[in-house]
C-alpha cells in the first residue's frame, strides 16, 4: 500500500482515487475549491486545499506521499496561465516534490491544454526525474476515452510502485 497524491482531483482525479483505493492505496487529493473538501472526504480521499498556481499551498500535501499524479492536462485558464502551469510552475512543483518522500510521478500529457505545452511539461518532468533518479510515467491516453484513461493512469501508478 502506498499513499498517492492527486494534484487536480476533479472528476477524473476522483475516479482515479476510487480505483486506487480499491487497490489498497491511501489517497490524498488537491482542490482549489474549499467547497469540494467534503465531496472528496466523503469519497474516502484525504482532501487538501491548494492551488498549483501557488506552489507553497501544495507543499504540505507531499508529506508521506510515495507517488504524485499531476492531472492538469485539461486545466482551464488563459494561455499565459496554462503556459506557466505546465512551465515555470511545474518546475517549482517538481523541485518541491523531489525533495520529499515522493518516489514517483505520473504526469498527464494529454487533454484539452495545447499539446505543445503538454509536451514541454512532459520534457520537464522527464529531465527532473532522470536527474533525481526518480521513476515517472507520462500518461498519454486521451482523457475523452475515460475507461482507457483510467486504466492507463492506474497502471502508471502501479508501474512506479513495482
N, C-alpha and C. Protein backbone atom coordinates (compact mmCIF):
# COMPACT_ATOMS: atom_id res chain seq x y z
N UNK A 1 0.85 -1.18 0.00
CA UNK A 1 0.00 0.00 0.00
C UNK A 1 0.88 1.23 0.00
N UNK A 2 0.48 2.22 -0.78
CA UNK A 2 1.20 3.49 -0.84
C UNK A 2 0.21 4.63 -0.67
N UNK A 3 0.73 5.77 -0.29
CA UNK A 3 -0.09 6.98 -0.27
C UNK A 3 0.19 7.71 -1.58
N UNK A 4 -0.88 8.00 -2.30
CA UNK A 4 -0.78 8.70 -3.57
C UNK A 4 -1.43 10.07 -3.44
N UNK A 5 -0.82 11.05 -4.07
CA UNK A 5 -1.37 12.40 -4.12
C UNK A 5 -1.83 12.67 -5.53
N UNK A 6 -3.07 13.13 -5.66
CA UNK A 6 -3.59 13.52 -6.97
C UNK A 6 -3.70 15.04 -6.97
N UNK A 7 -2.84 15.67 -7.77
CA UNK A 7 -2.88 17.13 -7.94
C UNK A 7 -3.84 17.40 -9.08
N UNK A 8 -4.95 18.03 -8.73
CA UNK A 8 -6.01 18.24 -9.70
C UNK A 8 -7.04 17.14 -9.56
N UNK A 9 -7.61 17.00 -8.37
CA UNK A 9 -8.54 15.91 -8.08
C UNK A 9 -9.97 16.33 -8.41
N UNK A 10 -10.20 16.60 -9.70
CA UNK A 10 -11.54 16.90 -10.18
C UNK A 10 -12.28 15.60 -10.46
N UNK A 11 -13.13 15.59 -11.47
CA UNK A 11 -13.93 14.39 -11.77
C UNK A 11 -13.06 13.19 -12.13
N UNK A 12 -12.12 13.37 -13.06
CA UNK A 12 -11.24 12.25 -13.43
C UNK A 12 -10.33 11.87 -12.27
N UNK A 13 -9.84 12.85 -11.55
CA UNK A 13 -8.99 12.57 -10.39
C UNK A 13 -9.72 11.76 -9.34
N UNK A 14 -10.97 12.10 -9.13
CA UNK A 14 -11.78 11.36 -8.16
C UNK A 14 -12.02 9.92 -8.63
N UNK A 15 -12.21 9.76 -9.92
CA UNK A 15 -12.35 8.42 -10.49
C UNK A 15 -11.08 7.61 -10.27
N UNK A 16 -9.92 8.23 -10.51
CA UNK A 16 -8.65 7.55 -10.27
C UNK A 16 -8.48 7.24 -8.79
N UNK A 17 -8.86 8.17 -7.94
CA UNK A 17 -8.77 7.95 -6.49
C UNK A 17 -9.58 6.72 -6.09
N UNK A 18 -10.78 6.59 -6.61
CA UNK A 18 -11.62 5.43 -6.28
C UNK A 18 -10.97 4.13 -6.74
N UNK A 19 -10.41 4.16 -7.95
CA UNK A 19 -9.74 2.96 -8.47
C UNK A 19 -8.54 2.58 -7.61
N UNK A 20 -7.73 3.57 -7.26
CA UNK A 20 -6.54 3.29 -6.45
C UNK A 20 -6.91 2.83 -5.04
N UNK A 21 -7.99 3.37 -4.51
CA UNK A 21 -8.45 2.94 -3.18
C UNK A 21 -8.85 1.46 -3.21
N UNK A 22 -9.50 1.02 -4.30
CA UNK A 22 -9.88 -0.40 -4.40
C UNK A 22 -8.65 -1.29 -4.46
N UNK A 23 -7.51 -0.72 -4.85
CA UNK A 23 -6.25 -1.48 -4.91
C UNK A 23 -5.47 -1.39 -3.59
N UNK A 24 -6.08 -0.73 -2.60
CA UNK A 24 -5.47 -0.69 -1.28
C UNK A 24 -4.62 0.52 -0.97
N UNK A 25 -4.60 1.50 -1.84
CA UNK A 25 -3.77 2.68 -1.62
C UNK A 25 -4.53 3.76 -0.86
N UNK A 26 -3.81 4.53 -0.08
CA UNK A 26 -4.37 5.71 0.59
C UNK A 26 -4.25 6.88 -0.39
N UNK A 27 -5.27 7.69 -0.46
CA UNK A 27 -5.30 8.76 -1.46
C UNK A 27 -5.48 10.12 -0.80
N UNK A 28 -4.67 11.05 -1.25
CA UNK A 28 -4.82 12.46 -0.88
C UNK A 28 -5.06 13.19 -2.19
N UNK A 29 -6.00 14.11 -2.21
CA UNK A 29 -6.30 14.84 -3.44
C UNK A 29 -6.35 16.33 -3.20
N UNK A 30 -5.89 17.09 -4.18
CA UNK A 30 -5.92 18.54 -4.04
C UNK A 30 -7.09 19.13 -4.80
N UNK A 31 -7.59 20.21 -4.24
CA UNK A 31 -8.62 21.01 -4.88
C UNK A 31 -8.36 22.47 -4.55
N UNK A 32 -8.71 23.33 -5.47
CA UNK A 32 -8.60 24.77 -5.21
C UNK A 32 -9.82 25.27 -4.45
N UNK A 33 -10.90 24.49 -4.52
CA UNK A 33 -12.21 24.91 -4.03
C UNK A 33 -12.49 24.31 -2.65
N UNK A 34 -12.48 25.13 -1.63
CA UNK A 34 -12.77 24.68 -0.27
C UNK A 34 -14.11 23.95 -0.19
N UNK A 35 -15.06 24.35 -1.04
CA UNK A 35 -16.37 23.73 -1.05
C UNK A 35 -16.37 22.27 -1.50
N UNK A 36 -15.30 21.82 -2.18
CA UNK A 36 -15.22 20.42 -2.64
C UNK A 36 -14.59 19.51 -1.59
N UNK A 37 -14.09 20.08 -0.52
CA UNK A 37 -13.43 19.28 0.51
C UNK A 37 -14.33 18.15 1.01
N UNK A 38 -15.56 18.45 1.34
CA UNK A 38 -16.48 17.44 1.86
C UNK A 38 -16.74 16.35 0.83
N UNK A 39 -16.88 16.73 -0.44
CA UNK A 39 -17.11 15.74 -1.51
C UNK A 39 -15.95 14.76 -1.59
N UNK A 40 -14.73 15.27 -1.53
CA UNK A 40 -13.56 14.40 -1.59
C UNK A 40 -13.50 13.48 -0.37
N UNK A 41 -13.72 14.05 0.79
CA UNK A 41 -13.63 13.26 2.01
C UNK A 41 -14.72 12.20 2.09
N UNK A 42 -15.91 12.52 1.59
CA UNK A 42 -16.99 11.53 1.54
C UNK A 42 -16.60 10.35 0.65
N UNK A 43 -15.80 10.63 -0.39
CA UNK A 43 -15.34 9.58 -1.30
C UNK A 43 -14.13 8.83 -0.76
N UNK A 44 -13.70 9.15 0.45
CA UNK A 44 -12.56 8.45 1.04
C UNK A 44 -11.21 9.03 0.68
N UNK A 45 -11.21 10.25 0.17
CA UNK A 45 -9.98 10.93 -0.22
C UNK A 45 -9.63 11.95 0.86
N UNK A 46 -8.39 11.94 1.30
CA UNK A 46 -7.92 12.96 2.23
C UNK A 46 -7.77 14.26 1.43
N UNK A 47 -8.62 15.22 1.68
CA UNK A 47 -8.65 16.45 0.89
C UNK A 47 -7.59 17.44 1.36
N UNK A 48 -6.97 18.10 0.39
CA UNK A 48 -6.01 19.16 0.68
C UNK A 48 -6.37 20.34 -0.22
N UNK A 49 -6.67 21.47 0.39
CA UNK A 49 -6.98 22.66 -0.40
C UNK A 49 -5.67 23.35 -0.73
N UNK A 50 -5.38 23.43 -2.02
CA UNK A 50 -4.15 24.04 -2.50
C UNK A 50 -4.28 24.38 -3.97
N UNK A 51 -3.43 25.25 -4.44
CA UNK A 51 -3.53 25.78 -5.80
C UNK A 51 -2.20 25.57 -6.53
N UNK A 52 -2.19 24.86 -7.66
CA UNK A 52 -0.95 24.68 -8.41
C UNK A 52 -0.31 26.00 -8.88
N UNK A 53 -1.08 27.07 -8.87
CA UNK A 53 -0.50 28.38 -9.19
C UNK A 53 0.22 28.98 -8.00
N UNK A 54 0.04 28.40 -6.83
CA UNK A 54 0.71 28.84 -5.60
C UNK A 54 1.32 27.60 -4.96
N UNK A 55 2.51 27.27 -5.42
CA UNK A 55 3.16 26.01 -5.08
C UNK A 55 3.27 25.81 -3.57
N UNK A 56 3.52 26.87 -2.83
CA UNK A 56 3.65 26.74 -1.38
C UNK A 56 2.38 26.18 -0.74
N UNK A 57 1.23 26.39 -1.36
CA UNK A 57 -0.01 25.85 -0.79
C UNK A 57 -0.10 24.33 -0.96
N UNK A 58 0.68 23.79 -1.89
CA UNK A 58 0.66 22.34 -2.14
C UNK A 58 1.71 21.60 -1.32
N UNK A 59 2.76 22.30 -0.90
CA UNK A 59 3.90 21.64 -0.25
C UNK A 59 3.48 20.73 0.92
N UNK A 60 2.58 21.13 1.81
CA UNK A 60 2.20 20.23 2.91
C UNK A 60 1.54 18.93 2.43
N UNK A 61 0.98 18.93 1.25
CA UNK A 61 0.31 17.74 0.73
C UNK A 61 1.30 16.63 0.36
N UNK A 62 2.58 16.96 0.21
CA UNK A 62 3.59 15.96 -0.16
C UNK A 62 4.02 15.08 1.00
N UNK A 63 3.66 15.46 2.24
CA UNK A 63 4.09 14.70 3.41
C UNK A 63 3.65 13.24 3.31
N UNK A 64 4.60 12.34 3.42
CA UNK A 64 4.35 10.89 3.46
C UNK A 64 3.67 10.36 2.20
N UNK A 65 3.97 10.97 1.05
CA UNK A 65 3.40 10.55 -0.23
C UNK A 65 4.49 9.83 -1.03
N UNK A 66 4.12 8.70 -1.64
CA UNK A 66 5.06 7.96 -2.47
C UNK A 66 4.95 8.30 -3.94
N UNK A 67 3.74 8.50 -4.44
CA UNK A 67 3.50 8.78 -5.87
C UNK A 67 2.62 10.01 -5.99
N UNK A 68 2.99 10.90 -6.91
CA UNK A 68 2.16 12.07 -7.21
C UNK A 68 1.65 11.95 -8.63
N UNK A 69 0.35 12.13 -8.80
CA UNK A 69 -0.27 12.17 -10.12
C UNK A 69 -0.62 13.62 -10.42
N UNK A 70 0.02 14.19 -11.43
CA UNK A 70 -0.22 15.58 -11.81
C UNK A 70 -1.22 15.54 -12.97
N UNK A 71 -2.49 15.78 -12.65
CA UNK A 71 -3.58 15.64 -13.62
C UNK A 71 -4.08 17.02 -14.04
N UNK A 72 -3.26 17.72 -14.79
CA UNK A 72 -3.61 19.08 -15.22
C UNK A 72 -3.65 19.21 -16.73
N UNK A 73 -3.83 18.08 -17.43
CA UNK A 73 -3.87 18.09 -18.89
C UNK A 73 -5.08 18.78 -19.47
N UNK A 74 -6.11 18.96 -18.66
CA UNK A 74 -7.32 19.67 -19.12
C UNK A 74 -7.62 20.85 -18.21
N UNK A 75 -6.57 21.39 -17.60
CA UNK A 75 -6.75 22.58 -16.75
C UNK A 75 -7.29 23.73 -17.59
N UNK A 76 -7.95 24.65 -16.92
CA UNK A 76 -8.52 25.81 -17.61
C UNK A 76 -7.84 27.08 -17.14
N UNK A 77 -7.78 28.04 -18.03
CA UNK A 77 -7.19 29.32 -17.72
C UNK A 77 -6.77 30.03 -19.00
N UNK A 78 -6.21 31.19 -18.84
CA UNK A 78 -5.73 31.94 -20.01
C UNK A 78 -4.51 31.22 -20.58
N UNK A 79 -4.16 31.51 -21.84
CA UNK A 79 -2.96 30.90 -22.41
C UNK A 79 -1.71 31.14 -21.55
N UNK A 80 -1.61 32.32 -20.96
CA UNK A 80 -0.46 32.64 -20.12
C UNK A 80 -0.47 31.79 -18.85
N UNK A 81 -1.64 31.64 -18.25
CA UNK A 81 -1.75 30.83 -17.02
C UNK A 81 -1.41 29.37 -17.30
N UNK A 82 -1.90 28.84 -18.41
CA UNK A 82 -1.62 27.45 -18.75
C UNK A 82 -0.15 27.24 -19.09
N UNK A 83 0.45 28.22 -19.77
CA UNK A 83 1.88 28.13 -20.08
C UNK A 83 2.69 28.08 -18.79
N UNK A 84 2.33 28.89 -17.81
CA UNK A 84 3.04 28.89 -16.53
C UNK A 84 2.79 27.58 -15.78
N UNK A 85 1.55 27.10 -15.80
CA UNK A 85 1.19 25.89 -15.07
C UNK A 85 2.00 24.69 -15.56
N UNK A 86 2.23 24.60 -16.85
CA UNK A 86 2.98 23.48 -17.43
C UNK A 86 4.43 23.87 -17.72
N UNK A 87 4.84 25.03 -17.22
CA UNK A 87 6.20 25.53 -17.43
C UNK A 87 6.86 25.86 -16.11
N UNK A 88 6.93 27.14 -15.80
CA UNK A 88 7.66 27.58 -14.60
C UNK A 88 7.04 27.06 -13.31
N UNK A 89 5.71 27.01 -13.23
CA UNK A 89 5.06 26.49 -12.03
C UNK A 89 5.35 24.99 -11.87
N UNK A 90 5.33 24.28 -12.99
CA UNK A 90 5.65 22.85 -12.95
C UNK A 90 7.08 22.64 -12.48
N UNK A 91 8.01 23.47 -12.96
CA UNK A 91 9.39 23.37 -12.49
C UNK A 91 9.47 23.53 -10.97
N UNK A 92 8.77 24.53 -10.45
CA UNK A 92 8.78 24.75 -8.99
C UNK A 92 8.13 23.57 -8.26
N UNK A 93 7.03 23.07 -8.81
CA UNK A 93 6.35 21.92 -8.21
C UNK A 93 7.28 20.72 -8.15
N UNK A 94 7.98 20.46 -9.24
CA UNK A 94 8.91 19.33 -9.28
C UNK A 94 10.04 19.49 -8.28
N UNK A 95 10.59 20.68 -8.17
CA UNK A 95 11.67 20.92 -7.20
C UNK A 95 11.19 20.66 -5.78
N UNK A 96 9.99 21.12 -5.47
CA UNK A 96 9.42 20.87 -4.12
C UNK A 96 9.18 19.39 -3.89
N UNK A 97 8.62 18.72 -4.91
CA UNK A 97 8.28 17.31 -4.79
C UNK A 97 9.50 16.44 -4.61
N UNK A 98 10.53 16.73 -5.37
CA UNK A 98 11.69 15.85 -5.41
C UNK A 98 12.55 15.95 -4.16
N UNK A 99 12.20 16.87 -3.28
CA UNK A 99 12.93 17.00 -2.02
C UNK A 99 12.05 16.51 -0.86
N UNK A 100 11.21 15.51 -1.14
CA UNK A 100 10.27 14.98 -0.14
C UNK A 100 10.32 13.45 -0.19
N UNK A 101 9.29 12.81 0.33
CA UNK A 101 9.20 11.35 0.28
C UNK A 101 8.67 10.84 -1.06
N UNK A 102 8.34 11.74 -1.98
CA UNK A 102 7.81 11.34 -3.29
C UNK A 102 8.86 10.52 -4.03
N UNK A 103 8.45 9.35 -4.50
CA UNK A 103 9.35 8.46 -5.20
C UNK A 103 8.90 8.11 -6.60
N UNK A 104 7.93 8.85 -7.13
CA UNK A 104 7.48 8.63 -8.49
C UNK A 104 6.41 9.63 -8.88
N UNK A 105 6.37 9.95 -10.18
CA UNK A 105 5.44 10.95 -10.68
C UNK A 105 4.73 10.43 -11.92
N UNK A 106 3.41 10.60 -11.95
CA UNK A 106 2.61 10.37 -13.15
C UNK A 106 2.18 11.74 -13.63
N UNK A 107 2.54 12.08 -14.88
CA UNK A 107 2.21 13.39 -15.45
C UNK A 107 1.27 13.19 -16.63
N UNK A 108 0.14 13.86 -16.58
CA UNK A 108 -0.86 13.77 -17.65
C UNK A 108 -0.42 14.67 -18.80
N UNK A 109 -0.03 14.05 -19.90
CA UNK A 109 0.43 14.83 -21.05
C UNK A 109 -0.55 14.80 -22.22
N UNK A 110 -1.81 14.54 -21.90
CA UNK A 110 -2.88 14.60 -22.90
C UNK A 110 -4.06 15.30 -22.25
N UNK A 111 -4.84 15.95 -23.07
CA UNK A 111 -6.02 16.66 -22.57
C UNK A 111 -6.36 17.83 -23.46
N UNK A 112 -7.10 18.78 -22.92
CA UNK A 112 -7.55 19.92 -23.72
C UNK A 112 -6.53 21.06 -23.78
N UNK A 113 -5.50 21.01 -22.95
CA UNK A 113 -4.44 22.02 -22.98
C UNK A 113 -3.65 21.84 -24.28
N UNK A 114 -3.12 22.93 -24.80
CA UNK A 114 -2.30 22.93 -26.02
C UNK A 114 -1.28 21.80 -25.97
N UNK A 115 -1.29 20.92 -26.98
CA UNK A 115 -0.36 19.78 -26.98
C UNK A 115 1.11 20.18 -26.85
N UNK A 116 1.47 21.34 -27.38
CA UNK A 116 2.87 21.78 -27.25
C UNK A 116 3.22 22.08 -25.79
N UNK A 117 2.28 22.67 -25.06
CA UNK A 117 2.52 22.93 -23.63
C UNK A 117 2.65 21.62 -22.86
N UNK A 118 1.79 20.66 -23.18
CA UNK A 118 1.85 19.37 -22.50
C UNK A 118 3.13 18.62 -22.84
N UNK A 119 3.58 18.71 -24.09
CA UNK A 119 4.84 18.07 -24.47
C UNK A 119 6.01 18.72 -23.74
N UNK A 120 5.98 20.04 -23.62
CA UNK A 120 7.03 20.75 -22.89
C UNK A 120 7.01 20.35 -21.41
N UNK A 121 5.82 20.25 -20.83
CA UNK A 121 5.71 19.81 -19.44
C UNK A 121 6.25 18.41 -19.27
N UNK A 122 5.95 17.53 -20.22
CA UNK A 122 6.45 16.15 -20.15
C UNK A 122 7.97 16.13 -20.18
N UNK A 123 8.57 16.97 -21.00
CA UNK A 123 10.03 17.05 -21.05
C UNK A 123 10.59 17.54 -19.72
N UNK A 124 9.92 18.49 -19.10
CA UNK A 124 10.37 19.00 -17.80
C UNK A 124 10.33 17.90 -16.74
N UNK A 125 9.23 17.13 -16.74
CA UNK A 125 9.10 16.01 -15.80
C UNK A 125 10.21 15.00 -16.05
N UNK A 126 10.40 14.64 -17.29
CA UNK A 126 11.43 13.65 -17.63
C UNK A 126 12.81 14.11 -17.17
N UNK A 127 13.17 15.36 -17.48
CA UNK A 127 14.50 15.87 -17.08
C UNK A 127 14.66 15.86 -15.56
N UNK A 128 13.65 16.37 -14.86
CA UNK A 128 13.75 16.46 -13.39
C UNK A 128 13.84 15.08 -12.76
N UNK A 129 13.03 14.15 -13.25
CA UNK A 129 13.03 12.80 -12.66
C UNK A 129 14.31 12.04 -13.00
N UNK A 130 14.77 12.16 -14.22
CA UNK A 130 16.02 11.49 -14.59
C UNK A 130 17.19 12.05 -13.79
N UNK A 131 17.22 13.36 -13.59
CA UNK A 131 18.28 14.00 -12.81
C UNK A 131 18.25 13.50 -11.37
N UNK A 132 17.06 13.25 -10.84
CA UNK A 132 16.90 12.84 -9.45
C UNK A 132 16.77 11.32 -9.28
N UNK A 133 16.85 10.60 -10.39
CA UNK A 133 16.74 9.13 -10.37
C UNK A 133 15.42 8.66 -9.77
N UNK A 134 14.35 9.35 -10.14
CA UNK A 134 13.01 9.03 -9.67
C UNK A 134 12.18 8.56 -10.87
N UNK A 135 11.48 7.44 -10.74
CA UNK A 135 10.68 6.96 -11.86
C UNK A 135 9.50 7.88 -12.16
N UNK A 136 9.10 7.86 -13.43
CA UNK A 136 7.98 8.68 -13.87
C UNK A 136 7.24 7.95 -14.98
N UNK A 137 5.98 8.33 -15.13
CA UNK A 137 5.15 7.83 -16.23
C UNK A 137 4.50 9.04 -16.86
N UNK A 138 4.56 9.10 -18.19
CA UNK A 138 3.90 10.17 -18.94
C UNK A 138 2.61 9.58 -19.50
N UNK A 139 1.50 10.00 -18.95
CA UNK A 139 0.19 9.47 -19.32
C UNK A 139 -0.29 10.14 -20.60
N UNK A 140 -0.32 9.37 -21.68
CA UNK A 140 -0.65 9.91 -23.00
C UNK A 140 -2.05 9.57 -23.47
N UNK A 141 -2.80 8.82 -22.69
CA UNK A 141 -4.14 8.40 -23.09
C UNK A 141 -5.08 9.59 -23.10
N UNK A 142 -5.87 9.71 -24.16
CA UNK A 142 -6.83 10.80 -24.29
C UNK A 142 -7.88 10.69 -23.18
N UNK A 143 -8.01 11.73 -22.36
CA UNK A 143 -8.99 11.67 -21.27
C UNK A 143 -10.44 11.57 -21.76
N UNK A 144 -10.69 11.85 -23.03
CA UNK A 144 -12.04 11.72 -23.57
C UNK A 144 -12.48 10.25 -23.58
N UNK A 145 -11.51 9.34 -23.66
CA UNK A 145 -11.79 7.91 -23.56
C UNK A 145 -11.57 7.53 -22.11
N UNK A 146 -12.58 7.76 -21.28
CA UNK A 146 -12.41 7.68 -19.84
C UNK A 146 -11.94 6.30 -19.36
N UNK A 147 -12.50 5.25 -19.90
CA UNK A 147 -12.13 3.90 -19.44
C UNK A 147 -10.65 3.63 -19.72
N UNK A 148 -10.21 3.97 -20.92
CA UNK A 148 -8.80 3.76 -21.27
C UNK A 148 -7.90 4.68 -20.45
N UNK A 149 -8.34 5.92 -20.25
CA UNK A 149 -7.55 6.87 -19.45
C UNK A 149 -7.39 6.35 -18.02
N UNK A 150 -8.49 5.91 -17.42
CA UNK A 150 -8.46 5.41 -16.05
C UNK A 150 -7.53 4.20 -15.93
N UNK A 151 -7.64 3.28 -16.87
CA UNK A 151 -6.78 2.09 -16.86
C UNK A 151 -5.31 2.50 -16.99
N UNK A 152 -5.04 3.45 -17.86
CA UNK A 152 -3.65 3.91 -18.07
C UNK A 152 -3.10 4.63 -16.85
N UNK A 153 -3.91 5.46 -16.23
CA UNK A 153 -3.47 6.20 -15.04
C UNK A 153 -3.19 5.24 -13.89
N UNK A 154 -4.09 4.31 -13.64
CA UNK A 154 -3.89 3.34 -12.57
C UNK A 154 -2.68 2.46 -12.85
N UNK A 155 -2.51 2.05 -14.09
CA UNK A 155 -1.34 1.24 -14.46
C UNK A 155 -0.06 2.03 -14.27
N UNK A 156 -0.10 3.33 -14.54
CA UNK A 156 1.08 4.18 -14.33
C UNK A 156 1.50 4.22 -12.88
N UNK A 157 0.53 4.35 -11.99
CA UNK A 157 0.84 4.34 -10.55
C UNK A 157 1.43 3.00 -10.16
N UNK A 158 0.82 1.91 -10.60
CA UNK A 158 1.32 0.58 -10.26
C UNK A 158 2.72 0.34 -10.83
N UNK A 159 2.97 0.85 -12.03
CA UNK A 159 4.31 0.71 -12.63
C UNK A 159 5.36 1.39 -11.76
N UNK A 160 5.06 2.56 -11.28
CA UNK A 160 6.01 3.28 -10.42
C UNK A 160 6.25 2.51 -9.13
N UNK A 161 5.20 1.93 -8.59
CA UNK A 161 5.31 1.24 -7.30
C UNK A 161 5.98 -0.13 -7.41
N UNK A 162 6.04 -0.69 -8.63
CA UNK A 162 6.63 -2.04 -8.76
C UNK A 162 8.13 -2.01 -8.89
